[in-house]
PDB file of N, CA and C in Angstrom:
ATOM      1  N   UNK A   1     170.360 114.293 -81.030  1.00  0.00           N
ATOM      2  CA  UNK A   1     169.030 114.503 -80.496  1.00  0.00           C
ATOM      3  C   UNK A   1     168.032 114.128 -81.584  1.00  0.00           C
ATOM      4  N   UNK A   2     167.090 113.248 -81.237  1.00  0.00           N
ATOM      5  CA  UNK A   2     166.088 112.825 -82.212  1.00  0.00           C
ATOM      6  C   UNK A   2     164.732 113.340 -81.802  1.00  0.00           C
ATOM      7  N   UNK A   3     163.936 113.692 -82.761  1.00  0.00           N
ATOM      8  CA  UNK A   3     162.574 114.146 -82.529  1.00  0.00           C
ATOM      9  C   UNK A   3     161.606 113.103 -83.022  1.00  0.00           C
ATOM     10  N   UNK A   4     160.474 112.983 -82.331  1.00  0.00           N
ATOM     11  CA  UNK A   4     159.466 112.053 -82.795  1.00  0.00           C
ATOM     12  C   UNK A   4     158.809 112.634 -84.065  1.00  0.00           C
ATOM     13  N   UNK A   5     158.133 111.803 -84.792  1.00  0.00           N
ATOM     14  CA  UNK A   5     157.541 112.203 -86.047  1.00  0.00           C
ATOM     15  C   UNK A   5     156.532 113.327 -85.859  1.00  0.00           C
ATOM     16  N   UNK A   6     155.658 113.189 -84.816  1.00  0.00           N
ATOM     17  CA  UNK A   6     154.639 114.212 -84.554  1.00  0.00           C
ATOM     18  C   UNK A   6     155.281 115.550 -84.222  1.00  0.00           C
ATOM     19  N   UNK A   7     156.354 115.515 -83.425  1.00  0.00           N
ATOM     20  CA  UNK A   7     157.034 116.770 -83.076  1.00  0.00           C
ATOM     21  C   UNK A   7     157.648 117.399 -84.316  1.00  0.00           C
ATOM     22  N   UNK A   8     158.203 116.591 -85.178  1.00  0.00           N
ATOM     23  CA  UNK A   8     158.868 117.063 -86.373  1.00  0.00           C
ATOM     24  C   UNK A   8     157.853 117.662 -87.347  1.00  0.00           C
ATOM     25  N   UNK A   9     156.655 117.028 -87.386  1.00  0.00           N
ATOM     26  CA  UNK A   9     155.666 117.463 -88.348  1.00  0.00           C
ATOM     27  C   UNK A   9     154.775 118.566 -87.796  1.00  0.00           C
ATOM     28  N   UNK A  10     154.866 118.828 -86.488  1.00  0.00           N
ATOM     29  CA  UNK A  10     154.017 119.865 -85.885  1.00  0.00           C
ATOM     30  C   UNK A  10     154.389 121.243 -86.465  1.00  0.00           C
ATOM     31  N   UNK A  11     153.368 122.045 -86.659  1.00  0.00           N
ATOM     32  CA  UNK A  11     153.572 123.383 -87.204  1.00  0.00           C
ATOM     33  C   UNK A  11     154.151 124.262 -86.111  1.00  0.00           C
ATOM     34  N   UNK A  12     155.146 125.035 -86.457  1.00  0.00           N
ATOM     35  CA  UNK A  12     155.724 125.953 -85.492  1.00  0.00           C
ATOM     36  C   UNK A  12     154.822 127.167 -85.372  1.00  0.00           C
ATOM     37  N   UNK A  13     154.607 127.615 -84.169  1.00  0.00           N
ATOM     38  CA  UNK A  13     153.782 128.788 -83.894  1.00  0.00           C
ATOM     39  C   UNK A  13     154.651 130.035 -84.004  1.00  0.00           C
ATOM     40  N   UNK A  14     154.143 130.979 -84.765  1.00  0.00           N
ATOM     41  CA  UNK A  14     154.904 132.196 -84.982  1.00  0.00           C
ATOM     42  C   UNK A  14     154.596 133.211 -83.894  1.00  0.00           C
ATOM     43  N   UNK A  15     155.455 134.203 -83.752  1.00  0.00           N
ATOM     44  CA  UNK A  15     155.237 135.268 -82.769  1.00  0.00           C
ATOM     45  C   UNK A  15     153.944 136.024 -83.117  1.00  0.00           C
ATOM     46  N   UNK A  16     153.657 136.168 -84.384  1.00  0.00           N
ATOM     47  CA  UNK A  16     152.441 136.838 -84.796  1.00  0.00           C
ATOM     48  C   UNK A  16     151.220 136.094 -84.299  1.00  0.00           C
ATOM     49  N   UNK A  17     151.218 134.759 -84.441  1.00  0.00           N
ATOM     50  CA  UNK A  17     150.100 133.946 -83.974  1.00  0.00           C
ATOM     51  C   UNK A  17     149.956 133.992 -82.456  1.00  0.00           C
ATOM     52  N   UNK A  18     151.064 133.986 -81.772  1.00  0.00           N
ATOM     53  CA  UNK A  18     151.024 134.126 -80.315  1.00  0.00           C
ATOM     54  C   UNK A  18     150.416 135.477 -79.929  1.00  0.00           C
ATOM     55  N   UNK A  19     150.847 136.521 -80.611  1.00  0.00           N
ATOM     56  CA  UNK A  19     150.282 137.849 -80.381  1.00  0.00           C
ATOM     57  C   UNK A  19     148.788 137.901 -80.631  1.00  0.00           C
ATOM     58  N   UNK A  20     148.337 137.263 -81.695  1.00  0.00           N
ATOM     59  CA  UNK A  20     146.914 137.216 -82.006  1.00  0.00           C
ATOM     60  C   UNK A  20     146.133 136.469 -80.941  1.00  0.00           C
ATOM     61  N   UNK A  21     146.714 135.357 -80.455  1.00  0.00           N
ATOM     62  CA  UNK A  21     146.043 134.580 -79.401  1.00  0.00           C
ATOM     63  C   UNK A  21     145.950 135.413 -78.121  1.00  0.00           C
ATOM     64  N   UNK A  22     147.029 136.090 -77.767  1.00  0.00           N
ATOM     65  CA  UNK A  22     147.007 136.948 -76.574  1.00  0.00           C
ATOM     66  C   UNK A  22     146.003 138.086 -76.730  1.00  0.00           C
ATOM     67  N   UNK A  23     145.956 138.682 -77.889  1.00  0.00           N
ATOM     68  CA  UNK A  23     145.011 139.778 -78.136  1.00  0.00           C
ATOM     69  C   UNK A  23     143.569 139.269 -78.005  1.00  0.00           C
ATOM     70  N   UNK A  24     143.328 138.068 -78.510  1.00  0.00           N
ATOM     71  CA  UNK A  24     142.003 137.451 -78.403  1.00  0.00           C
ATOM     72  C   UNK A  24     141.615 137.254 -76.936  1.00  0.00           C
ATOM     73  N   UNK A  25     142.555 136.739 -76.138  1.00  0.00           N
ATOM     74  CA  UNK A  25     142.290 136.511 -74.709  1.00  0.00           C
ATOM     75  C   UNK A  25     142.077 137.834 -73.987  1.00  0.00           C
ATOM     76  N   UNK A  26     142.953 138.802 -74.236  1.00  0.00           N
ATOM     77  CA  UNK A  26     142.870 140.092 -73.557  1.00  0.00           C
ATOM     78  C   UNK A  26     141.588 140.819 -73.917  1.00  0.00           C
ATOM     79  N   UNK A  27     141.136 140.678 -75.152  1.00  0.00           N
ATOM     80  CA  UNK A  27     139.908 141.368 -75.565  1.00  0.00           C
ATOM     81  C   UNK A  27     138.692 140.826 -74.825  1.00  0.00           C
ATOM     82  N   UNK A  28     138.741 139.602 -74.397  1.00  0.00           N
ATOM     83  CA  UNK A  28     137.596 138.967 -73.739  1.00  0.00           C
ATOM     84  C   UNK A  28     137.749 138.892 -72.223  1.00  0.00           C
ATOM     85  N   UNK A  29     138.877 139.333 -71.696  1.00  0.00           N
ATOM     86  CA  UNK A  29     139.129 139.303 -70.261  1.00  0.00           C
ATOM     87  C   UNK A  29     138.305 140.372 -69.545  1.00  0.00           C
ATOM     88  N   UNK A  30     137.892 140.043 -68.330  1.00  0.00           N
ATOM     89  CA  UNK A  30     137.204 141.020 -67.497  1.00  0.00           C
ATOM     90  C   UNK A  30     138.225 142.024 -66.969  1.00  0.00           C
ATOM     91  N   UNK A  31     137.808 143.267 -66.919  1.00  0.00           N
ATOM     92  CA  UNK A  31     138.697 144.303 -66.363  1.00  0.00           C
ATOM     93  C   UNK A  31     138.444 144.464 -64.886  1.00  0.00           C
ATOM     94  N   UNK A  32     139.279 145.222 -64.229  1.00  0.00           N
ATOM     95  CA  UNK A  32     139.055 145.515 -62.802  1.00  0.00           C
ATOM     96  C   UNK A  32     137.722 146.195 -62.608  1.00  0.00           C
ATOM     97  N   UNK A  33     137.380 147.086 -63.530  1.00  0.00           N
ATOM     98  CA  UNK A  33     136.091 147.788 -63.443  1.00  0.00           C
ATOM     99  C   UNK A  33     134.912 146.815 -63.595  1.00  0.00           C
ATOM    100  N   UNK A  34     135.068 145.824 -64.490  1.00  0.00           N
ATOM    101  CA  UNK A  34     134.010 144.819 -64.664  1.00  0.00           C
ATOM    102  C   UNK A  34     133.818 144.031 -63.379  1.00  0.00           C
ATOM    103  N   UNK A  35     134.918 143.611 -62.768  1.00  0.00           N
ATOM    104  CA  UNK A  35     134.858 142.836 -61.532  1.00  0.00           C
ATOM    105  C   UNK A  35     134.281 143.699 -60.411  1.00  0.00           C
ATOM    106  N   UNK A  36     134.686 144.967 -60.331  1.00  0.00           N
ATOM    107  CA  UNK A  36     134.181 145.869 -59.291  1.00  0.00           C
ATOM    108  C   UNK A  36     132.672 146.089 -59.460  1.00  0.00           C
ATOM    109  N   UNK A  37     132.218 146.261 -60.690  1.00  0.00           N
ATOM    110  CA  UNK A  37     130.783 146.476 -60.951  1.00  0.00           C
ATOM    111  C   UNK A  37     129.997 145.229 -60.562  1.00  0.00           C
ATOM    112  N   UNK A  38     130.513 144.061 -60.907  1.00  0.00           N
ATOM    113  CA  UNK A  38     129.843 142.826 -60.563  1.00  0.00           C
ATOM    114  C   UNK A  38     129.788 142.619 -59.060  1.00  0.00           C
ATOM    115  N   UNK A  39     130.890 142.941 -58.404  1.00  0.00           N
ATOM    116  CA  UNK A  39     130.958 142.833 -56.950  1.00  0.00           C
ATOM    117  C   UNK A  39     129.936 143.758 -56.288  1.00  0.00           C
ATOM    118  N   UNK A  40     129.830 144.999 -56.771  1.00  0.00           N
ATOM    119  CA  UNK A  40     128.890 145.969 -56.241  1.00  0.00           C
ATOM    120  C   UNK A  40     127.435 145.460 -56.437  1.00  0.00           C
ATOM    121  N   UNK A  41     127.166 144.937 -57.611  1.00  0.00           N
ATOM    122  CA  UNK A  41     125.840 144.402 -57.904  1.00  0.00           C
ATOM    123  C   UNK A  41     125.503 143.237 -56.990  1.00  0.00           C
ATOM    124  N   UNK A  42     126.459 142.338 -56.801  1.00  0.00           N
ATOM    125  CA  UNK A  42     126.212 141.182 -55.909  1.00  0.00           C
ATOM    126  C   UNK A  42     126.008 141.614 -54.481  1.00  0.00           C
ATOM    127  N   UNK A  43     126.783 142.626 -54.003  1.00  0.00           N
ATOM    128  CA  UNK A  43     126.591 143.112 -52.655  1.00  0.00           C
ATOM    129  C   UNK A  43     125.204 143.658 -52.488  1.00  0.00           C
ATOM    130  N   UNK A  44     124.693 144.391 -53.507  1.00  0.00           N
ATOM    131  CA  UNK A  44     123.342 144.913 -53.442  1.00  0.00           C
ATOM    132  C   UNK A  44     122.313 143.798 -53.383  1.00  0.00           C
ATOM    133  N   UNK A  45     122.510 142.759 -54.195  1.00  0.00           N
ATOM    134  CA  UNK A  45     121.589 141.632 -54.205  1.00  0.00           C
ATOM    135  C   UNK A  45     121.592 140.932 -52.830  1.00  0.00           C
ATOM    136  N   UNK A  46     122.798 140.720 -52.290  1.00  0.00           N
ATOM    137  CA  UNK A  46     122.917 140.053 -51.006  1.00  0.00           C
ATOM    138  C   UNK A  46     122.259 140.883 -49.914  1.00  0.00           C
ATOM    139  N   UNK A  47     122.451 142.194 -49.960  1.00  0.00           N
ATOM    140  CA  UNK A  47     121.837 143.073 -48.949  1.00  0.00           C
ATOM    141  C   UNK A  47     120.306 142.983 -49.032  1.00  0.00           C
ATOM    142  N   UNK A  48     119.776 142.949 -50.271  1.00  0.00           N
ATOM    143  CA  UNK A  48     118.319 142.827 -50.461  1.00  0.00           C
ATOM    144  C   UNK A  48     117.796 141.519 -49.881  1.00  0.00           C
ATOM    145  N   UNK A  49     118.484 140.432 -50.159  1.00  0.00           N
ATOM    146  CA  UNK A  49     118.064 139.125 -49.648  1.00  0.00           C
ATOM    147  C   UNK A  49     118.159 139.129 -48.113  1.00  0.00           C
ATOM    148  N   UNK A  50     119.238 139.708 -47.595  1.00  0.00           N
ATOM    149  CA  UNK A  50     119.425 139.770 -46.155  1.00  0.00           C
ATOM    150  C   UNK A  50     118.276 140.536 -45.492  1.00  0.00           C
ATOM    151  N   UNK A  51     117.864 141.641 -46.106  1.00  0.00           N
ATOM    152  CA  UNK A  51     116.741 142.417 -45.567  1.00  0.00           C
ATOM    153  C   UNK A  51     115.461 141.589 -45.580  1.00  0.00           C
ATOM    154  N   UNK A  52     115.250 140.844 -46.655  1.00  0.00           N
ATOM    155  CA  UNK A  52     114.050 140.001 -46.737  1.00  0.00           C
ATOM    156  C   UNK A  52     114.057 138.928 -45.661  1.00  0.00           C
ATOM    157  N   UNK A  53     115.203 138.291 -45.471  1.00  0.00           N
ATOM    158  CA  UNK A  53     115.310 137.246 -44.444  1.00  0.00           C
ATOM    159  C   UNK A  53     115.077 137.851 -43.061  1.00  0.00           C
ATOM    160  N   UNK A  54     115.648 139.025 -42.823  1.00  0.00           N
ATOM    161  CA  UNK A  54     115.460 139.692 -41.533  1.00  0.00           C
ATOM    162  C   UNK A  54     113.971 140.001 -41.318  1.00  0.00           C
ATOM    163  N   UNK A  55     113.309 140.483 -42.367  1.00  0.00           N
ATOM    164  CA  UNK A  55     111.882 140.786 -42.289  1.00  0.00           C
ATOM    165  C   UNK A  55     111.061 139.528 -41.982  1.00  0.00           C
ATOM    166  N   UNK A  56     111.379 138.454 -42.651  1.00  0.00           N
ATOM    167  CA  UNK A  56     110.696 137.183 -42.424  1.00  0.00           C
ATOM    168  C   UNK A  56     110.951 136.699 -40.995  1.00  0.00           C
ATOM    169  N   UNK A  57     112.199 136.840 -40.555  1.00  0.00           N
ATOM    170  CA  UNK A  57     112.572 136.412 -39.196  1.00  0.00           C
ATOM    171  C   UNK A  57     111.756 137.187 -38.172  1.00  0.00           C
ATOM    172  N   UNK A  58     111.629 138.516 -38.321  1.00  0.00           N
ATOM    173  CA  UNK A  58     110.858 139.317 -37.387  1.00  0.00           C
ATOM    174  C   UNK A  58     109.383 138.907 -37.392  1.00  0.00           C
ATOM    175  N   UNK A  59     108.872 138.666 -38.585  1.00  0.00           N
ATOM    176  CA  UNK A  59     107.460 138.261 -38.711  1.00  0.00           C
ATOM    177  C   UNK A  59     107.218 136.928 -38.036  1.00  0.00           C
ATOM    178  N   UNK A  60     108.144 135.983 -38.232  1.00  0.00           N
ATOM    179  CA  UNK A  60     107.978 134.673 -37.598  1.00  0.00           C
ATOM    180  C   UNK A  60     108.076 134.783 -36.085  1.00  0.00           C
ATOM    181  N   UNK A  61     108.940 135.643 -35.576  1.00  0.00           N
ATOM    182  CA  UNK A  61     109.045 135.852 -34.123  1.00  0.00           C
ATOM    183  C   UNK A  61     107.737 136.398 -33.576  1.00  0.00           C
ATOM    184  N   UNK A  62     107.161 137.372 -34.313  1.00  0.00           N
ATOM    185  CA  UNK A  62     105.891 137.970 -33.879  1.00  0.00           C
ATOM    186  C   UNK A  62     104.791 136.920 -33.863  1.00  0.00           C
ATOM    187  N   UNK A  63     104.723 136.101 -34.891  1.00  0.00           N
ATOM    188  CA  UNK A  63     103.719 135.038 -34.942  1.00  0.00           C
ATOM    189  C   UNK A  63     103.904 134.067 -33.798  1.00  0.00           C
ATOM    190  N   UNK A  64     105.151 133.728 -33.536  1.00  0.00           N
ATOM    191  CA  UNK A  64     105.459 132.791 -32.450  1.00  0.00           C
ATOM    192  C   UNK A  64     105.011 133.386 -31.104  1.00  0.00           C
ATOM    193  N   UNK A  65     105.271 134.683 -30.883  1.00  0.00           N
ATOM    194  CA  UNK A  65     104.823 135.335 -29.640  1.00  0.00           C
ATOM    195  C   UNK A  65     103.304 135.354 -29.528  1.00  0.00           C
ATOM    196  N   UNK A  66     102.642 135.686 -30.639  1.00  0.00           N
ATOM    197  CA  UNK A  66     101.179 135.693 -30.627  1.00  0.00           C
ATOM    198  C   UNK A  66     100.607 134.320 -30.331  1.00  0.00           C
ATOM    199  N   UNK A  67     101.197 133.313 -30.924  1.00  0.00           N
ATOM    200  CA  UNK A  67     100.701 131.943 -30.691  1.00  0.00           C
ATOM    201  C   UNK A  67     100.952 131.516 -29.250  1.00  0.00           C
ATOM    202  N   UNK A  68     102.101 131.905 -28.699  1.00  0.00           N
ATOM    203  CA  UNK A  68     102.365 131.589 -27.294  1.00  0.00           C
ATOM    204  C   UNK A  68     101.354 132.271 -26.385  1.00  0.00           C
ATOM    205  N   UNK A  69     101.028 133.527 -26.703  1.00  0.00           N
ATOM    206  CA  UNK A  69     100.024 134.249 -25.927  1.00  0.00           C
ATOM    207  C   UNK A  69      98.656 133.590 -26.041  1.00  0.00           C
ATOM    208  N   UNK A  70      98.277 133.201 -27.249  1.00  0.00           N
ATOM    209  CA  UNK A  70      97.004 132.510 -27.449  1.00  0.00           C
ATOM    210  C   UNK A  70      96.963 131.177 -26.705  1.00  0.00           C
ATOM    211  N   UNK A  71      98.083 130.486 -26.691  1.00  0.00           N
ATOM    212  CA  UNK A  71      98.173 129.212 -25.992  1.00  0.00           C
ATOM    213  C   UNK A  71      97.884 129.407 -24.536  1.00  0.00           C
ATOM    214  N   UNK A  72      98.449 130.439 -23.944  1.00  0.00           N
ATOM    215  CA  UNK A  72      98.230 130.736 -22.523  1.00  0.00           C
ATOM    216  C   UNK A  72      96.754 131.072 -22.284  1.00  0.00           C
ATOM    217  N   UNK A  73      96.176 131.875 -23.150  1.00  0.00           N
ATOM    218  CA  UNK A  73      94.794 132.330 -22.940  1.00  0.00           C
ATOM    219  C   UNK A  73      93.742 131.237 -23.159  1.00  0.00           C
ATOM    220  N   UNK A  74      93.995 130.373 -24.120  1.00  0.00           N
ATOM    221  CA  UNK A  74      92.968 129.394 -24.508  1.00  0.00           C
ATOM    222  C   UNK A  74      93.428 127.953 -24.324  1.00  0.00           C
ATOM    223  N   UNK A  75      94.245 127.723 -23.308  1.00  0.00           N
ATOM    224  CA  UNK A  75      94.795 126.408 -23.097  1.00  0.00           C
ATOM    225  C   UNK A  75      93.725 125.356 -22.837  1.00  0.00           C
ATOM    226  N   UNK A  76      92.623 125.757 -22.254  1.00  0.00           N
ATOM    227  CA  UNK A  76      91.578 124.802 -21.903  1.00  0.00           C
ATOM    228  C   UNK A  76      90.539 124.597 -22.994  1.00  0.00           C
ATOM    229  N   UNK A  77      90.598 125.377 -24.068  1.00  0.00           N
ATOM    230  CA  UNK A  77      89.631 125.253 -25.139  1.00  0.00           C
ATOM    231  C   UNK A  77      89.997 124.026 -25.986  1.00  0.00           C
ATOM    232  N   UNK A  78      89.057 123.138 -26.125  1.00  0.00           N
ATOM    233  CA  UNK A  78      89.307 121.875 -26.808  1.00  0.00           C
ATOM    234  C   UNK A  78      89.683 122.094 -28.289  1.00  0.00           C
ATOM    235  N   UNK A  79      90.765 121.485 -28.736  1.00  0.00           N
ATOM    236  CA  UNK A  79      91.190 121.493 -30.113  1.00  0.00           C
ATOM    237  C   UNK A  79      92.017 122.709 -30.515  1.00  0.00           C
ATOM    238  N   UNK A  80      91.885 123.808 -29.766  1.00  0.00           N
ATOM    239  CA  UNK A  80      92.616 125.020 -30.140  1.00  0.00           C
ATOM    240  C   UNK A  80      94.110 124.853 -29.925  1.00  0.00           C
ATOM    241  N   UNK A  81      94.457 124.176 -28.866  1.00  0.00           N
ATOM    242  CA  UNK A  81      95.870 123.940 -28.573  1.00  0.00           C
ATOM    243  C   UNK A  81      96.529 123.111 -29.687  1.00  0.00           C
ATOM    244  N   UNK A  82      95.761 122.172 -30.188  1.00  0.00           N
ATOM    245  CA  UNK A  82      96.257 121.319 -31.275  1.00  0.00           C
ATOM    246  C   UNK A  82      96.546 122.154 -32.520  1.00  0.00           C
ATOM    247  N   UNK A  83      95.661 123.124 -32.823  1.00  0.00           N
ATOM    248  CA  UNK A  83      95.879 124.007 -33.978  1.00  0.00           C
ATOM    249  C   UNK A  83      97.146 124.840 -33.809  1.00  0.00           C
ATOM    250  N   UNK A  84      97.333 125.344 -32.606  1.00  0.00           N
ATOM    251  CA  UNK A  84      98.518 126.163 -32.326  1.00  0.00           C
ATOM    252  C   UNK A  84      99.783 125.339 -32.459  1.00  0.00           C
ATOM    253  N   UNK A  85      99.756 124.111 -31.935  1.00  0.00           N
ATOM    254  CA  UNK A  85     100.924 123.236 -32.065  1.00  0.00           C
ATOM    255  C   UNK A  85     101.235 122.969 -33.546  1.00  0.00           C
ATOM    256  N   UNK A  86     100.178 122.762 -34.332  1.00  0.00           N
ATOM    257  CA  UNK A  86     100.385 122.543 -35.765  1.00  0.00           C
ATOM    258  C   UNK A  86     101.002 123.766 -36.420  1.00  0.00           C
ATOM    259  N   UNK A  87     100.520 124.970 -36.067  1.00  0.00           N
ATOM    260  CA  UNK A  87     101.091 126.209 -36.614  1.00  0.00           C
ATOM    261  C   UNK A  87     102.563 126.365 -36.191  1.00  0.00           C
ATOM    262  N   UNK A  88     102.841 126.042 -34.941  1.00  0.00           N
ATOM    263  CA  UNK A  88     104.244 126.120 -34.475  1.00  0.00           C
ATOM    264  C   UNK A  88     105.153 125.163 -35.221  1.00  0.00           C
ATOM    265  N   UNK A  89     104.638 123.973 -35.527  1.00  0.00           N
ATOM    266  CA  UNK A  89     105.416 123.020 -36.310  1.00  0.00           C
ATOM    267  C   UNK A  89     105.697 123.550 -37.717  1.00  0.00           C
ATOM    268  N   UNK A  90     104.691 124.181 -38.332  1.00  0.00           N
ATOM    269  CA  UNK A  90     104.882 124.740 -39.662  1.00  0.00           C
ATOM    270  C   UNK A  90     105.867 125.890 -39.647  1.00  0.00           C
ATOM    271  N   UNK A  91     105.804 126.712 -38.599  1.00  0.00           N
ATOM    272  CA  UNK A  91     106.764 127.826 -38.467  1.00  0.00           C
ATOM    273  C   UNK A  91     108.178 127.250 -38.316  1.00  0.00           C
ATOM    274  N   UNK A  92     108.307 126.234 -37.495  1.00  0.00           N
ATOM    275  CA  UNK A  92     109.624 125.593 -37.307  1.00  0.00           C
ATOM    276  C   UNK A  92     110.162 125.051 -38.615  1.00  0.00           C
ATOM    277  N   UNK A  93     109.281 124.473 -39.440  1.00  0.00           N
ATOM    278  CA  UNK A  93     109.708 123.954 -40.754  1.00  0.00           C
ATOM    279  C   UNK A  93     110.165 125.082 -41.663  1.00  0.00           C
ATOM    280  N   UNK A  94     109.446 126.209 -41.635  1.00  0.00           N
ATOM    281  CA  UNK A  94     109.838 127.363 -42.445  1.00  0.00           C
ATOM    282  C   UNK A  94     111.188 127.899 -41.977  1.00  0.00           C
ATOM    283  N   UNK A  95     111.328 128.018 -40.648  1.00  0.00           N
ATOM    284  CA  UNK A  95     112.591 128.514 -40.081  1.00  0.00           C
ATOM    285  C   UNK A  95     113.740 127.596 -40.463  1.00  0.00           C
ATOM    286  N   UNK A  96     113.510 126.306 -40.405  1.00  0.00           N
ATOM    287  CA  UNK A  96     114.569 125.350 -40.763  1.00  0.00           C
ATOM    288  C   UNK A  96     114.934 125.500 -42.235  1.00  0.00           C
ATOM    289  N   UNK A  97     113.916 125.634 -43.075  1.00  0.00           N
ATOM    290  CA  UNK A  97     114.154 125.786 -44.521  1.00  0.00           C
ATOM    291  C   UNK A  97     114.957 127.045 -44.812  1.00  0.00           C
ATOM    292  N   UNK A  98     114.699 128.114 -44.073  1.00  0.00           N
ATOM    293  CA  UNK A  98     115.418 129.369 -44.282  1.00  0.00           C
ATOM    294  C   UNK A  98     116.739 129.411 -43.518  1.00  0.00           C
ATOM    295  N   UNK A  99     117.019 128.383 -42.740  1.00  0.00           N
ATOM    296  CA  UNK A  99     118.265 128.354 -41.980  1.00  0.00           C
ATOM    297  C   UNK A  99     118.203 129.216 -40.727  1.00  0.00           C
ATOM    298  N   UNK A 100     116.994 129.558 -40.317  1.00  0.00           N
ATOM    299  CA  UNK A 100     116.832 130.448 -39.145  1.00  0.00           C
ATOM    300  C   UNK A 100     116.642 129.636 -37.868  1.00  0.00           C
ATOM    301  N   UNK A 101     116.480 128.325 -37.963  1.00  0.00           N
ATOM    302  CA  UNK A 101     116.184 127.515 -36.796  1.00  0.00           C
ATOM    303  C   UNK A 101     117.237 127.591 -35.729  1.00  0.00           C
ATOM    304  N   UNK A 102     118.468 127.896 -36.078  1.00  0.00           N
ATOM    305  CA  UNK A 102     119.536 127.989 -35.090  1.00  0.00           C
ATOM    306  C   UNK A 102     119.626 129.391 -34.508  1.00  0.00           C
ATOM    307  N   UNK A 103     119.015 130.396 -35.209  1.00  0.00           N
ATOM    308  CA  UNK A 103     119.099 131.791 -34.795  1.00  0.00           C
ATOM    309  C   UNK A 103     117.916 132.210 -33.905  1.00  0.00           C
ATOM    310  N   UNK A 104     116.783 131.607 -34.106  1.00  0.00           N
ATOM    311  CA  UNK A 104     115.556 132.048 -33.422  1.00  0.00           C
ATOM    312  C   UNK A 104     115.306 131.181 -32.200  1.00  0.00           C
ATOM    313  N   UNK A 105     115.228 131.813 -31.077  1.00  0.00           N
ATOM    314  CA  UNK A 105     114.913 131.097 -29.851  1.00  0.00           C
ATOM    315  C   UNK A 105     113.397 131.030 -29.688  1.00  0.00           C
ATOM    316  N   UNK A 106     112.934 129.902 -29.226  1.00  0.00           N
ATOM    317  CA  UNK A 106     111.474 129.723 -29.084  1.00  0.00           C
ATOM    318  C   UNK A 106     110.922 130.596 -28.005  1.00  0.00           C
TER     319      UNK A 106
END
């Protein structure tokens, strides 16, 4: 059996060095408690964002209802309908940006 020069000249790793490497890795590893704490924190963050999105969604629905009501009341007023259409377009763009366009019915 022949060994290449690099293999022959390579330093052999001792058990002590392997132990030190493992200790180094273990010392920096996340524990179950670390992962659980991070998971709990992320769940809280996600819940907060979800509440904000829900709040925005409700507000946009209310604005949409108000604008629909105004459209019915002032359909014959010159230029007002155009303003409402523009507002509805902006709301639709906001909903699309937030990913709510598929959830909110007009």
